[in-house]
Amino acid sequence: MTDYRFSVIVPSSQMTHDETLDATDALGNAGCTDASIRGHVDGMELLFERSSESLQAAISSAIRDVESAGYRVSKIELEREAIPG
């Protein structure tokens, strides 16, 4: 397995501290324990470092987990060095 780094962007308005804690709990319960949450110009950014057989499988499983927590994914962002050579 390889670790892949990517960001999942979830559209949202600015969240209060309590809303951020609720989002963290919901995402963790949905399997997103390998992601960190931070603000993004488009809403909420989940920074993943996910182990998987392929980049596509890592991203697909992250999207599935985020959506099972009740959030909508608007886009995925990659950095060049995030993809193993």
PDB file of N, CA and C in Angstrom:
ATOM      1  N   MET A   1       0.840  -1.179   0.000  1.00  0.00           N
ATOM      2  CA  MET A   1       0.000   0.000   0.000  1.00  0.00           C
ATOM      3  C   MET A   1       0.884   1.241   0.000  1.00  0.00           C
ATOM      4  N   THR A   2       0.364   2.265  -0.608  1.00  0.00           N
ATOM      5  CA  THR A   2       1.061   3.544  -0.706  1.00  0.00           C
ATOM      6  C   THR A   2       0.227   4.615  -0.033  1.00  0.00           C
ATOM      7  N   ASP A   3       0.892   5.584   0.594  1.00  0.00           N
ATOM      8  CA  ASP A   3       0.183   6.726   1.169  1.00  0.00           C
ATOM      9  C   ASP A   3       0.037   7.803   0.115  1.00  0.00           C
ATOM     10  N   TYR A   4      -1.181   8.294  -0.061  1.00  0.00           N
ATOM     11  CA  TYR A   4      -1.480   9.355  -1.017  1.00  0.00           C
ATOM     12  C   TYR A   4      -1.971  10.570  -0.259  1.00  0.00           C
ATOM     13  N   ARG A   5      -1.498  11.754  -0.669  1.00  0.00           N
ATOM     14  CA  ARG A   5      -1.903  13.014  -0.052  1.00  0.00           C
ATOM     15  C   ARG A   5      -2.723  13.826  -1.047  1.00  0.00           C
ATOM     16  N   PHE A   6      -3.881  14.277  -0.591  1.00  0.00           N
ATOM     17  CA  PHE A   6      -4.770  15.067  -1.437  1.00  0.00           C
ATOM     18  C   PHE A   6      -5.746  15.805  -0.531  1.00  0.00           C
ATOM     19  N   SER A   7      -6.413  16.783  -1.105  1.00  0.00           N
ATOM     20  CA  SER A   7      -7.410  17.562  -0.364  1.00  0.00           C
ATOM     21  C   SER A   7      -8.787  17.349  -0.961  1.00  0.00           C
ATOM     22  N   VAL A   8      -9.759  17.220  -0.083  1.00  0.00           N
ATOM     23  CA  VAL A   8     -11.158  17.137  -0.470  1.00  0.00           C
ATOM     24  C   VAL A   8     -11.802  18.440  -0.031  1.00  0.00           C
ATOM     25  N   ILE A   9     -12.433  19.132  -0.955  1.00  0.00           N
ATOM     26  CA  ILE A   9     -13.059  20.419  -0.661  1.00  0.00           C
ATOM     27  C   ILE A   9     -14.568  20.211  -0.510  1.00  0.00           C
ATOM     28  N   VAL A  10     -15.082  20.724   0.605  1.00  0.00           N
ATOM     29  CA  VAL A  10     -16.505  20.635   0.926  1.00  0.00           C
ATOM     30  C   VAL A  10     -17.043  22.057   1.033  1.00  0.00           C
ATOM     31  N   PRO A  11     -18.018  22.419   0.201  1.00  0.00           N
ATOM     32  CA  PRO A  11     -18.568  23.773   0.295  1.00  0.00           C
ATOM     33  C   PRO A  11     -19.302  23.965   1.620  1.00  0.00           C
ATOM     34  N   SER A  12     -19.040  25.080   2.263  1.00  0.00           N
ATOM     35  CA  SER A  12     -19.749  25.409   3.502  1.00  0.00           C
ATOM     36  C   SER A  12     -19.542  26.886   3.804  1.00  0.00           C
ATOM     37  N   SER A  13     -20.429  27.407   4.627  1.00  0.00           N
ATOM     38  CA  SER A  13     -20.247  28.774   5.103  1.00  0.00           C
ATOM     39  C   SER A  13     -19.267  28.727   6.272  1.00  0.00           C
ATOM     40  N   GLN A  14     -18.855  29.873   6.740  1.00  0.00           N
ATOM     41  CA  GLN A  14     -17.940  29.923   7.869  1.00  0.00           C
ATOM     42  C   GLN A  14     -18.595  29.225   9.059  1.00  0.00           C
ATOM     43  N   MET A  15     -17.829  28.368   9.726  1.00  0.00           N
ATOM     44  CA  MET A  15     -18.381  27.567  10.812  1.00  0.00           C
ATOM     45  C   MET A  15     -17.947  28.113  12.169  1.00  0.00           C
ATOM     46  N   THR A  16     -18.830  27.964  13.152  1.00  0.00           N
ATOM     47  CA  THR A  16     -18.476  28.321  14.520  1.00  0.00           C
ATOM     48  C   THR A  16     -17.578  27.230  15.095  1.00  0.00           C
ATOM     49  N   HIS A  17     -17.038  27.492  16.261  1.00  0.00           N
ATOM     50  CA  HIS A  17     -16.184  26.499  16.920  1.00  0.00           C
ATOM     51  C   HIS A  17     -16.961  25.201  17.158  1.00  0.00           C
ATOM     52  N   ASP A  18     -18.186  25.319  17.659  1.00  0.00           N
ATOM     53  CA  ASP A  18     -19.005  24.131  17.925  1.00  0.00           C
ATOM     54  C   ASP A  18     -19.349  23.382  16.641  1.00  0.00           C
ATOM     55  N   GLU A  19     -19.636  24.106  15.565  1.00  0.00           N
ATOM     56  CA  GLU A  19     -19.918  23.462  14.276  1.00  0.00           C
ATOM     57  C   GLU A  19     -18.686  22.722  13.757  1.00  0.00           C
ATOM     58  N   THR A  20     -17.507  23.298  13.967  1.00  0.00           N
ATOM     59  CA  THR A  20     -16.257  22.635  13.558  1.00  0.00           C
ATOM     60  C   THR A  20     -16.055  21.356  14.353  1.00  0.00           C
ATOM     61  N   LEU A  21     -16.324  21.392  15.648  1.00  0.00           N
ATOM     62  CA  LEU A  21     -16.201  20.186  16.476  1.00  0.00           C
ATOM     63  C   LEU A  21     -17.204  19.126  16.039  1.00  0.00           C
ATOM     64  N   ASP A  22     -18.432  19.539  15.722  1.00  0.00           N
ATOM     65  CA  ASP A  22     -19.448  18.595  15.238  1.00  0.00           C
ATOM     66  C   ASP A  22     -19.015  17.962  13.910  1.00  0.00           C
ATOM     67  N   ALA A  23     -18.452  18.783  13.008  1.00  0.00           N
ATOM     68  CA  ALA A  23     -17.977  18.272  11.715  1.00  0.00           C
ATOM     69  C   ALA A  23     -16.838  17.283  11.930  1.00  0.00           C
ATOM     70  N   THR A  24     -15.928  17.608  12.829  1.00  0.00           N
ATOM     71  CA  THR A  24     -14.802  16.719  13.125  1.00  0.00           C
ATOM     72  C   THR A  24     -15.307  15.369  13.637  1.00  0.00           C
ATOM     73  N   ASP A  25     -16.279  15.402  14.553  1.00  0.00           N
ATOM     74  CA  ASP A  25     -16.844  14.155  15.079  1.00  0.00           C
ATOM     75  C   ASP A  25     -17.531  13.349  13.979  1.00  0.00           C
ATOM     76  N   ALA A  26     -18.353  14.004  13.176  1.00  0.00           N
ATOM     77  CA  ALA A  26     -19.085  13.312  12.106  1.00  0.00           C
ATOM     78  C   ALA A  26     -18.130  12.693  11.098  1.00  0.00           C
ATOM     79  N   LEU A  27     -17.115  13.444  10.708  1.00  0.00           N
ATOM     80  CA  LEU A  27     -16.153  12.933   9.732  1.00  0.00           C
ATOM     81  C   LEU A  27     -15.319  11.795  10.317  1.00  0.00           C
ATOM     82  N   GLY A  28     -14.919  11.932  11.568  1.00  0.00           N
ATOM     83  CA  GLY A  28     -14.164  10.856  12.217  1.00  0.00           C
ATOM     84  C   GLY A  28     -14.975   9.582  12.320  1.00  0.00           C
ATOM     85  N   ASN A  29     -16.241   9.720  12.693  1.00  0.00           N
ATOM     86  CA  ASN A  29     -17.130   8.555  12.793  1.00  0.00           C
ATOM     87  C   ASN A  29     -17.371   7.902  11.436  1.00  0.00           C
ATOM     88  N   ALA A  30     -17.218   8.673  10.350  1.00  0.00           N
ATOM     89  CA  ALA A  30     -17.426   8.148   8.992  1.00  0.00           C
ATOM     90  C   ALA A  30     -16.150   7.543   8.404  1.00  0.00           C
ATOM     91  N   GLY A  31     -15.047   7.586   9.160  1.00  0.00           N
ATOM     92  CA  GLY A  31     -13.813   6.964   8.677  1.00  0.00           C
ATOM     93  C   GLY A  31     -12.748   7.926   8.198  1.00  0.00           C
ATOM     94  N   CYS A  32     -12.946   9.216   8.429  1.00  0.00           N
ATOM     95  CA  CYS A  32     -11.983  10.215   7.957  1.00  0.00           C
ATOM     96  C   CYS A  32     -10.948  10.565   9.034  1.00  0.00           C
ATOM     97  N   THR A  33     -10.503   9.571   9.781  1.00  0.00           N
ATOM     98  CA  THR A  33      -9.521   9.819  10.837  1.00  0.00           C
ATOM     99  C   THR A  33      -8.130  10.102  10.279  1.00  0.00           C
ATOM    100  N   ASP A  34      -7.956   9.926   8.987  1.00  0.00           N
ATOM    101  CA  ASP A  34      -6.676  10.207   8.333  1.00  0.00           C
ATOM    102  C   ASP A  34      -6.697  11.563   7.625  1.00  0.00           C
ATOM    103  N   ALA A  35      -7.601  12.449   8.060  1.00  0.00           N
ATOM    104  CA  ALA A  35      -7.717  13.781   7.457  1.00  0.00           C
ATOM    105  C   ALA A  35      -7.654  14.851   8.532  1.00  0.00           C
ATOM    106  N   SER A  36      -7.112  16.002   8.144  1.00  0.00           N
ATOM    107  CA  SER A  36      -7.114  17.199   8.986  1.00  0.00           C
ATOM    108  C   SER A  36      -8.040  18.214   8.344  1.00  0.00           C
ATOM    109  N   ILE A  37      -8.727  18.979   9.173  1.00  0.00           N
ATOM    110  CA  ILE A  37      -9.670  19.978   8.665  1.00  0.00           C
ATOM    111  C   ILE A  37      -9.057  21.365   8.775  1.00  0.00           C
ATOM    112  N   ARG A  38      -9.250  22.153   7.708  1.00  0.00           N
ATOM    113  CA  ARG A  38      -8.879  23.565   7.767  1.00  0.00           C
ATOM    114  C   ARG A  38      -9.802  24.353   6.850  1.00  0.00           C
ATOM    115  N   GLY A  39      -9.769  25.658   7.028  1.00  0.00           N
ATOM    116  CA  GLY A  39     -10.592  26.522   6.188  1.00  0.00           C
ATOM    117  C   GLY A  39     -10.059  26.584   4.769  1.00  0.00           C
ATOM    118  N   HIS A  40     -10.939  26.884   3.856  1.00  0.00           N
ATOM    119  CA  HIS A  40     -10.605  26.993   2.438  1.00  0.00           C
ATOM    120  C   HIS A  40     -11.486  28.091   1.863  1.00  0.00           C
ATOM    121  N   VAL A  41     -11.034  28.743   0.822  1.00  0.00           N
ATOM    122  CA  VAL A  41     -11.814  29.816   0.212  1.00  0.00           C
ATOM    123  C   VAL A  41     -13.197  29.328  -0.217  1.00  0.00           C
ATOM    124  N   ASP A  42     -13.326  28.049  -0.555  1.00  0.00           N
ATOM    125  CA  ASP A  42     -14.606  27.484  -0.989  1.00  0.00           C
ATOM    126  C   ASP A  42     -15.382  26.811   0.141  1.00  0.00           C
ATOM    127  N   GLY A  43     -14.848  26.803   1.359  1.00  0.00           N
ATOM    128  CA  GLY A  43     -15.549  26.173   2.475  1.00  0.00           C
ATOM    129  C   GLY A  43     -14.605  25.486   3.434  1.00  0.00           C
ATOM    130  N   MET A  44     -14.666  24.154   3.441  1.00  0.00           N
ATOM    131  CA  MET A  44     -13.864  23.343   4.349  1.00  0.00           C
ATOM    132  C   MET A  44     -12.936  22.456   3.516  1.00  0.00           C
ATOM    133  N   GLU A  45     -11.678  22.394   3.921  1.00  0.00           N
ATOM    134  CA  GLU A  45     -10.706  21.549   3.235  1.00  0.00           C
ATOM    135  C   GLU A  45     -10.319  20.412   4.160  1.00  0.00           C
ATOM    136  N   LEU A  46     -10.406  19.188   3.651  1.00  0.00           N
ATOM    137  CA  LEU A  46      -9.978  18.003   4.388  1.00  0.00           C
ATOM    138  C   LEU A  46      -8.681  17.521   3.762  1.00  0.00           C
ATOM    139  N   LEU A  47      -7.600  17.602   4.517  1.00  0.00           N
ATOM    140  CA  LEU A  47      -6.288  17.191   4.026  1.00  0.00           C
ATOM    141  C   LEU A  47      -6.087  15.717   4.375  1.00  0.00           C
ATOM    142  N   PHE A  48      -6.153  14.866   3.381  1.00  0.00           N
ATOM    143  CA  PHE A  48      -6.035  13.421   3.588  1.00  0.00           C
ATOM    144  C   PHE A  48      -4.621  12.938   3.349  1.00  0.00           C
ATOM    145  N   GLU A  49      -4.233  11.937   4.124  1.00  0.00           N
ATOM    146  CA  GLU A  49      -3.067  11.099   3.839  1.00  0.00           C
ATOM    147  C   GLU A  49      -3.581   9.676   4.013  1.00  0.00           C
ATOM    148  N   ARG A  50      -3.990   9.091   2.877  1.00  0.00           N
ATOM    149  CA  ARG A  50      -4.704   7.820   2.901  1.00  0.00           C
ATOM    150  C   ARG A  50      -3.898   6.730   2.229  1.00  0.00           C
ATOM    151  N   SER A  51      -3.792   5.585   2.892  1.00  0.00           N
ATOM    152  CA  SER A  51      -3.120   4.412   2.330  1.00  0.00           C
ATOM    153  C   SER A  51      -4.089   3.650   1.459  1.00  0.00           C
ATOM    154  N   SER A  52      -3.607   3.281   0.264  1.00  0.00           N
ATOM    155  CA  SER A  52      -4.459   2.539  -0.660  1.00  0.00           C
ATOM    156  C   SER A  52      -3.602   1.903  -1.738  1.00  0.00           C
ATOM    157  N   GLU A  53      -4.236   1.057  -2.527  1.00  0.00           N
ATOM    158  CA  GLU A  53      -3.551   0.397  -3.645  1.00  0.00           C
ATOM    159  C   GLU A  53      -3.292   1.361  -4.806  1.00  0.00           C
ATOM    160  N   SER A  54      -4.120   2.407  -4.920  1.00  0.00           N
ATOM    161  CA  SER A  54      -3.963   3.367  -6.008  1.00  0.00           C
ATOM    162  C   SER A  54      -4.497   4.724  -5.570  1.00  0.00           C
ATOM    163  N   LEU A  55      -4.088   5.766  -6.286  1.00  0.00           N
ATOM    164  CA  LEU A  55      -4.588   7.104  -6.004  1.00  0.00           C
ATOM    165  C   LEU A  55      -6.100   7.155  -6.209  1.00  0.00           C
ATOM    166  N   GLN A  56      -6.576   6.546  -7.270  1.00  0.00           N
ATOM    167  CA  GLN A  56      -8.002   6.545  -7.558  1.00  0.00           C
ATOM    168  C   GLN A  56      -8.788   5.879  -6.425  1.00  0.00           C
ATOM    169  N   ALA A  57      -8.296   4.762  -5.908  1.00  0.00           N
ATOM    170  CA  ALA A  57      -8.981   4.072  -4.814  1.00  0.00           C
ATOM    171  C   ALA A  57      -8.961   4.918  -3.540  1.00  0.00           C
ATOM    172  N   ALA A  58      -7.849   5.606  -3.276  1.00  0.00           N
ATOM    173  CA  ALA A  58      -7.750   6.464  -2.090  1.00  0.00           C
ATOM    174  C   ALA A  58      -8.751   7.601  -2.168  1.00  0.00           C
ATOM    175  N   ILE A  59      -8.817   8.261  -3.313  1.00  0.00           N
ATOM    176  CA  ILE A  59      -9.745   9.382  -3.485  1.00  0.00           C
ATOM    177  C   ILE A  59     -11.195   8.903  -3.435  1.00  0.00           C
ATOM    178  N   SER A  60     -11.490   7.807  -4.106  1.00  0.00           N
ATOM    179  CA  SER A  60     -12.866   7.278  -4.114  1.00  0.00           C
ATOM    180  C   SER A  60     -13.337   6.936  -2.712  1.00  0.00           C
ATOM    181  N   SER A  61     -12.472   6.305  -1.923  1.00  0.00           N
ATOM    182  CA  SER A  61     -12.880   5.932  -0.565  1.00  0.00           C
ATOM    183  C   SER A  61     -13.030   7.167   0.315  1.00  0.00           C
ATOM    184  N   ALA A  62     -12.198   8.180   0.115  1.00  0.00           N
ATOM    185  CA  ALA A  62     -12.327   9.424   0.888  1.00  0.00           C
ATOM    186  C   ALA A  62     -13.638  10.128   0.557  1.00  0.00           C
ATOM    187  N   ILE A  63     -13.969  10.210  -0.712  1.00  0.00           N
ATOM    188  CA  ILE A  63     -15.238  10.835  -1.124  1.00  0.00           C
ATOM    189  C   ILE A  63     -16.407  10.081  -0.503  1.00  0.00           C
ATOM    190  N   ARG A  64     -16.364   8.773  -0.575  1.00  0.00           N
ATOM    191  CA  ARG A  64     -17.438   7.945  -0.010  1.00  0.00           C
ATOM    192  C   ARG A  64     -17.582   8.207   1.499  1.00  0.00           C
ATOM    193  N   ASP A  65     -16.453   8.289   2.211  1.00  0.00           N
ATOM    194  CA  ASP A  65     -16.493   8.538   3.656  1.00  0.00           C
ATOM    195  C   ASP A  65     -17.043   9.929   3.971  1.00  0.00           C
ATOM    196  N   VAL A  66     -16.572  10.940   3.239  1.00  0.00           N
ATOM    197  CA  VAL A  66     -17.037  12.310   3.471  1.00  0.00           C
ATOM    198  C   VAL A  66     -18.538  12.412   3.210  1.00  0.00           C
ATOM    199  N   GLU A  67     -19.003  11.817   2.123  1.00  0.00           N
ATOM    200  CA  GLU A  67     -20.424  11.873   1.797  1.00  0.00           C
ATOM    201  C   GLU A  67     -21.267  11.081   2.787  1.00  0.00           C
ATOM    202  N   SER A  68     -20.717  10.004   3.350  1.00  0.00           N
ATOM    203  CA  SER A  68     -21.478   9.242   4.346  1.00  0.00           C
ATOM    204  C   SER A  68     -21.614  10.023   5.651  1.00  0.00           C
ATOM    205  N   ALA A  69     -20.748  11.031   5.856  1.00  0.00           N
ATOM    206  CA  ALA A  69     -20.854  11.909   7.029  1.00  0.00           C
ATOM    207  C   ALA A  69     -21.878  13.016   6.792  1.00  0.00           C
ATOM    208  N   GLY A  70     -22.440  13.074   5.578  1.00  0.00           N
ATOM    209  CA  GLY A  70     -23.476  14.060   5.281  1.00  0.00           C
ATOM    210  C   GLY A  70     -22.988  15.303   4.561  1.00  0.00           C
ATOM    211  N   TYR A  71     -21.776  15.277   4.041  1.00  0.00           N
ATOM    212  CA  TYR A  71     -21.217  16.439   3.340  1.00  0.00           C
ATOM    213  C   TYR A  71     -21.138  16.161   1.844  1.00  0.00           C
ATOM    214  N   ARG A  72     -21.138  17.230   1.056  1.00  0.00           N
ATOM    215  CA  ARG A  72     -21.033  17.127  -0.401  1.00  0.00           C
ATOM    216  C   ARG A  72     -19.625  17.553  -0.809  1.00  0.00           C
ATOM    217  N   VAL A  73     -18.973  16.743  -1.613  1.00  0.00           N
ATOM    218  CA  VAL A  73     -17.628  17.052  -2.110  1.00  0.00           C
ATOM    219  C   VAL A  73     -17.767  17.870  -3.381  1.00  0.00           C
ATOM    220  N   SER A  74     -17.080  19.029  -3.426  1.00  0.00           N
ATOM    221  CA  SER A  74     -17.150  19.856  -4.631  1.00  0.00           C
ATOM    222  C   SER A  74     -15.940  19.663  -5.533  1.00  0.00           C
ATOM    223  N   LYS A  75     -14.794  19.338  -4.941  1.00  0.00           N
ATOM    224  CA  LYS A  75     -13.612  19.085  -5.777  1.00  0.00           C
ATOM    225  C   LYS A  75     -12.509  18.431  -4.966  1.00  0.00           C
ATOM    226  N   ILE A  76     -11.541  17.902  -5.704  1.00  0.00           N
ATOM    227  CA  ILE A  76     -10.342  17.285  -5.144  1.00  0.00           C
ATOM    228  C   ILE A  76      -9.156  18.100  -5.627  1.00  0.00           C
ATOM    229  N   GLU A  77      -8.202  18.355  -4.739  1.00  0.00           N
ATOM    230  CA  GLU A  77      -6.992  19.077  -5.118  1.00  0.00           C
ATOM    231  C   GLU A  77      -5.778  18.217  -4.808  1.00  0.00           C
ATOM    232  N   LEU A  78      -4.836  18.195  -5.749  1.00  0.00           N
ATOM    233  CA  LEU A  78      -3.586  17.438  -5.603  1.00  0.00           C
ATOM    234  C   LEU A  78      -2.416  18.392  -5.752  1.00  0.00           C
ATOM    235  N   GLU A  79      -1.330  18.069  -5.051  1.00  0.00           N
ATOM    236  CA  GLU A  79      -0.064  18.749  -5.289  1.00  0.00           C
ATOM    237  C   GLU A  79       0.825  17.779  -6.036  1.00  0.00           C
ATOM    238  N   ARG A  80       1.677  18.304  -6.866  1.00  0.00           N
ATOM    239  CA  ARG A  80       2.527  17.448  -7.708  1.00  0.00           C
ATOM    240  C   ARG A  80       3.296  16.420  -6.874  1.00  0.00           C
ATOM    241  N   GLU A  81       3.867  16.834  -5.749  1.00  0.00           N
ATOM    242  CA  GLU A  81       4.668  15.907  -4.948  1.00  0.00           C
ATOM    243  C   GLU A  81       3.813  14.909  -4.172  1.00  0.00           C
ATOM    244  N   ALA A  82       2.506  15.062  -4.209  1.00  0.00           N
ATOM    245  CA  ALA A  82       1.616  14.144  -3.506  1.00  0.00           C
ATOM    246  C   ALA A  82       1.487  12.811  -4.240  1.00  0.00           C
ATOM    247  N   ILE A  83       1.867  12.773  -5.501  1.00  0.00           N
ATOM    248  CA  ILE A  83       1.726  11.564  -6.314  1.00  0.00           C
ATOM    249  C   ILE A  83       3.080  10.881  -6.392  1.00  0.00           C
ATOM    250  N   PRO A  84       3.182   9.657  -5.815  1.00  0.00           N
ATOM    251  CA  PRO A  84       4.467   8.962  -5.832  1.00  0.00           C
ATOM    252  C   PRO A  84       4.923   8.665  -7.267  1.00  0.00           C
ATOM    253  N   GLY A  85       6.207   8.752  -7.480  1.00  0.00           N
ATOM    254  CA  GLY A  85       6.737   8.526  -8.821  1.00  0.00           C
ATOM    255  C   GLY A  85       7.185   7.145  -9.091  1.00  0.00           C
TER     256      GLY A  85
END
